Amino acid sequence: MRRKISLVSQEVLYLSEETDASVKQWIESGQYVKMQIATRAEQSLCSKTLAEEGQNRMQILTEKIQTLLSS
């Protein structure tokens, strides 16, 4: 009986350690994904800003061309 209890106890300990390792790996993966999402969000914001600046410059250029053609 003691031997069975000891074996079950060892198995529970092993499973507990295995579960702990899996949870740590999931946490690390989650942190990596979070970092990637933050990077992509920053890149998207930068792209949006550049596109808006380009659009504004094109608008100014179009207005200047219209002014030259009207003169």
N, C-alpha and C. Protein backbone atom coordinates (compact mmCIF):
# COMPACT_ATOMS: atom_id res chain seq x y z
N MET A 1 0.82 -1.19 0.00
CA MET A 1 0.00 0.00 0.00
C MET A 1 0.87 1.26 0.00
N ARG A 2 1.91 1.27 0.81
CA ARG A 2 2.81 2.42 0.86
C ARG A 2 3.49 2.64 -0.50
N ARG A 3 3.84 1.53 -1.12
CA ARG A 3 4.49 1.63 -2.43
C ARG A 3 3.55 2.26 -3.45
N LYS A 4 2.27 1.86 -3.43
CA LYS A 4 1.30 2.44 -4.35
C LYS A 4 1.14 3.93 -4.10
N ILE A 5 1.06 4.30 -2.84
CA ILE A 5 0.92 5.70 -2.48
C ILE A 5 2.14 6.48 -2.95
N SER A 6 3.30 5.89 -2.77
CA SER A 6 4.54 6.54 -3.20
C SER A 6 4.57 6.71 -4.72
N LEU A 7 4.16 5.68 -5.46
CA LEU A 7 4.12 5.77 -6.92
C LEU A 7 3.13 6.82 -7.39
N VAL A 8 1.95 6.83 -6.80
CA VAL A 8 0.94 7.82 -7.16
C VAL A 8 1.43 9.22 -6.83
N SER A 9 2.07 9.36 -5.69
CA SER A 9 2.61 10.65 -5.28
C SER A 9 3.67 11.14 -6.26
N GLN A 10 4.53 10.25 -6.69
CA GLN A 10 5.56 10.61 -7.66
C GLN A 10 4.94 11.00 -9.00
N GLU A 11 3.91 10.27 -9.39
CA GLU A 11 3.24 10.58 -10.65
C GLU A 11 2.55 11.94 -10.58
N VAL A 12 1.90 12.22 -9.46
CA VAL A 12 1.26 13.52 -9.27
C VAL A 12 2.30 14.64 -9.30
N LEU A 13 3.42 14.42 -8.67
CA LEU A 13 4.50 15.41 -8.67
C LEU A 13 5.01 15.64 -10.09
N TYR A 14 5.22 14.57 -10.83
CA TYR A 14 5.68 14.68 -12.22
C TYR A 14 4.68 15.47 -13.05
N LEU A 15 3.39 15.13 -12.94
CA LEU A 15 2.35 15.82 -13.70
C LEU A 15 2.26 17.29 -13.30
N SER A 16 2.44 17.57 -12.05
CA SER A 16 2.42 18.94 -11.57
C SER A 16 3.57 19.74 -12.16
N GLU A 17 4.75 19.15 -12.20
CA GLU A 17 5.92 19.83 -12.77
C GLU A 17 5.73 20.03 -14.28
N GLU A 18 5.17 19.04 -14.93
CA GLU A 18 4.91 19.12 -16.37
C GLU A 18 3.90 20.23 -16.67
N THR A 19 2.85 20.30 -15.86
CA THR A 19 1.84 21.34 -16.02
C THR A 19 2.45 22.72 -15.79
N ASP A 20 3.29 22.84 -14.78
CA ASP A 20 3.96 24.09 -14.48
C ASP A 20 4.82 24.54 -15.65
N ALA A 21 5.53 23.61 -16.23
CA ALA A 21 6.38 23.93 -17.39
C ALA A 21 5.53 24.38 -18.57
N SER A 22 4.41 23.72 -18.78
CA SER A 22 3.51 24.10 -19.88
C SER A 22 2.94 25.50 -19.66
N VAL A 23 2.53 25.79 -18.45
CA VAL A 23 1.98 27.11 -18.14
C VAL A 23 3.04 28.19 -18.36
N LYS A 24 4.26 27.94 -17.93
CA LYS A 24 5.34 28.91 -18.14
C LYS A 24 5.58 29.13 -19.63
N GLN A 25 5.53 28.07 -20.41
CA GLN A 25 5.72 28.20 -21.86
C GLN A 25 4.58 29.01 -22.48
N TRP A 26 3.35 28.79 -22.04
CA TRP A 26 2.21 29.56 -22.55
C TRP A 26 2.35 31.03 -22.20
N ILE A 27 2.83 31.31 -21.00
CA ILE A 27 3.02 32.70 -20.58
C ILE A 27 4.07 33.37 -21.47
N GLU A 28 5.17 32.68 -21.71
CA GLU A 28 6.22 33.22 -22.58
C GLU A 28 5.68 33.46 -23.99
N SER A 29 4.92 32.51 -24.50
CA SER A 29 4.33 32.66 -25.84
C SER A 29 3.37 33.84 -25.87
N GLY A 30 2.59 33.98 -24.84
CA GLY A 30 1.65 35.10 -24.75
C GLY A 30 2.36 36.44 -24.72
N GLN A 31 3.46 36.50 -23.99
CA GLN A 31 4.22 37.74 -23.92
C GLN A 31 4.83 38.07 -25.29
N TYR A 32 5.30 37.06 -25.99
CA TYR A 32 5.86 37.27 -27.33
C TYR A 32 4.78 37.80 -28.28
N VAL A 33 3.60 37.18 -28.23
CA VAL A 33 2.49 37.61 -29.08
C VAL A 33 2.10 39.05 -28.75
N LYS A 34 2.05 39.37 -27.46
CA LYS A 34 1.72 40.73 -27.03
C LYS A 34 2.73 41.73 -27.59
N MET A 35 4.00 41.39 -27.54
CA MET A 35 5.05 42.25 -28.07
C MET A 35 4.89 42.44 -29.58
N GLN A 36 4.59 41.36 -30.29
CA GLN A 36 4.39 41.43 -31.74
C GLN A 36 3.20 42.32 -32.09
N ILE A 37 2.14 42.20 -31.33
CA ILE A 37 0.94 43.01 -31.57
C ILE A 37 1.27 44.49 -31.35
N ALA A 38 2.01 44.79 -30.29
CA ALA A 38 2.38 46.18 -30.02
C ALA A 38 3.25 46.73 -31.14
N THR A 39 4.17 45.92 -31.64
CA THR A 39 5.03 46.35 -32.74
C THR A 39 4.21 46.62 -33.99
N ARG A 40 3.29 45.72 -34.31
CA ARG A 40 2.45 45.90 -35.50
C ARG A 40 1.57 47.13 -35.36
N ALA A 41 1.06 47.38 -34.17
CA ALA A 41 0.22 48.55 -33.95
C ALA A 41 1.04 49.83 -34.17
N GLU A 42 2.25 49.84 -33.66
CA GLU A 42 3.13 51.00 -33.84
C GLU A 42 3.45 51.21 -35.32
N GLN A 43 3.73 50.13 -36.04
CA GLN A 43 4.01 50.24 -37.48
C GLN A 43 2.79 50.74 -38.24
N SER A 44 1.62 50.28 -37.85
CA SER A 44 0.38 50.71 -38.51
C SER A 44 0.15 52.21 -38.29
N LEU A 45 0.38 52.65 -37.07
CA LEU A 45 0.21 54.07 -36.77
C LEU A 45 1.19 54.91 -37.58
N CYS A 46 2.42 54.45 -37.69
CA CYS A 46 3.43 55.16 -38.47
C CYS A 46 3.01 55.20 -39.94
N SER A 47 2.54 54.10 -40.48
CA SER A 47 2.08 54.05 -41.87
C SER A 47 0.92 55.00 -42.09
N LYS A 48 -0.01 55.04 -41.16
CA LYS A 48 -1.17 55.92 -41.26
C LYS A 48 -0.70 57.38 -41.28
N THR A 49 0.22 57.72 -40.39
CA THR A 49 0.74 59.10 -40.33
C THR A 49 1.42 59.48 -41.63
N LEU A 50 2.26 58.58 -42.16
CA LEU A 50 2.94 58.85 -43.43
C LEU A 50 1.94 59.01 -44.57
N ALA A 51 0.91 58.18 -44.60
CA ALA A 51 -0.11 58.28 -45.65
C ALA A 51 -0.86 59.60 -45.57
N GLU A 52 -1.19 60.02 -44.35
CA GLU A 52 -1.89 61.29 -44.18
C GLU A 52 -1.01 62.46 -44.62
N GLU A 53 0.28 62.41 -44.26
CA GLU A 53 1.21 63.45 -44.68
C GLU A 53 1.33 63.49 -46.21
N GLY A 54 1.42 62.34 -46.82
CA GLY A 54 1.50 62.26 -48.28
C GLY A 54 0.25 62.81 -48.93
N GLN A 55 -0.89 62.47 -48.36
CA GLN A 55 -2.16 62.96 -48.90
C GLN A 55 -2.23 64.49 -48.78
N ASN A 56 -1.81 65.03 -47.65
CA ASN A 56 -1.81 66.49 -47.47
C ASN A 56 -0.87 67.16 -48.47
N ARG A 57 0.29 66.59 -48.68
CA ARG A 57 1.24 67.17 -49.63
C ARG A 57 0.68 67.13 -51.06
N MET A 58 0.01 66.04 -51.40
CA MET A 58 -0.60 65.94 -52.74
C MET A 58 -1.70 66.98 -52.90
N GLN A 59 -2.45 67.22 -51.83
CA GLN A 59 -3.51 68.23 -51.87
C GLN A 59 -2.90 69.61 -52.09
N ILE A 60 -1.83 69.91 -51.38
CA ILE A 60 -1.15 71.21 -51.54
C ILE A 60 -0.60 71.34 -52.95
N LEU A 61 0.02 70.29 -53.44
CA LEU A 61 0.57 70.31 -54.80
C LEU A 61 -0.53 70.51 -55.84
N THR A 62 -1.64 69.83 -55.67
CA THR A 62 -2.78 69.97 -56.59
C THR A 62 -3.29 71.41 -56.58
N GLU A 63 -3.39 71.99 -55.38
CA GLU A 63 -3.85 73.38 -55.27
C GLU A 63 -2.87 74.34 -55.95
N LYS A 64 -1.57 74.11 -55.79
CA LYS A 64 -0.57 74.97 -56.43
C LYS A 64 -0.64 74.84 -57.96
N ILE A 65 -0.84 73.63 -58.45
CA ILE A 65 -0.97 73.42 -59.90
C ILE A 65 -2.20 74.14 -60.42
N GLN A 66 -3.30 74.03 -59.67
CA GLN A 66 -4.54 74.71 -60.08
C GLN A 66 -4.33 76.22 -60.13
N THR A 67 -3.60 76.75 -59.15
CA THR A 67 -3.32 78.18 -59.12
C THR A 67 -2.48 78.59 -60.32
N LEU A 68 -1.48 77.79 -60.66
CA LEU A 68 -0.64 78.10 -61.83
C LEU A 68 -1.44 78.05 -63.12
N LEU A 69 -2.33 77.08 -63.23
CA LEU A 69 -3.14 76.96 -64.44
C LEU A 69 -4.17 78.09 -64.55
N SER A 70 -4.60 78.60 -63.43
CA SER A 70 -5.59 79.69 -63.43
C SER A 70 -4.95 81.04 -63.75
N SER A 71 -3.66 81.15 -63.55
CA SER A 71 -2.97 82.44 -63.76
C SER A 71 -2.78 82.76 -65.21
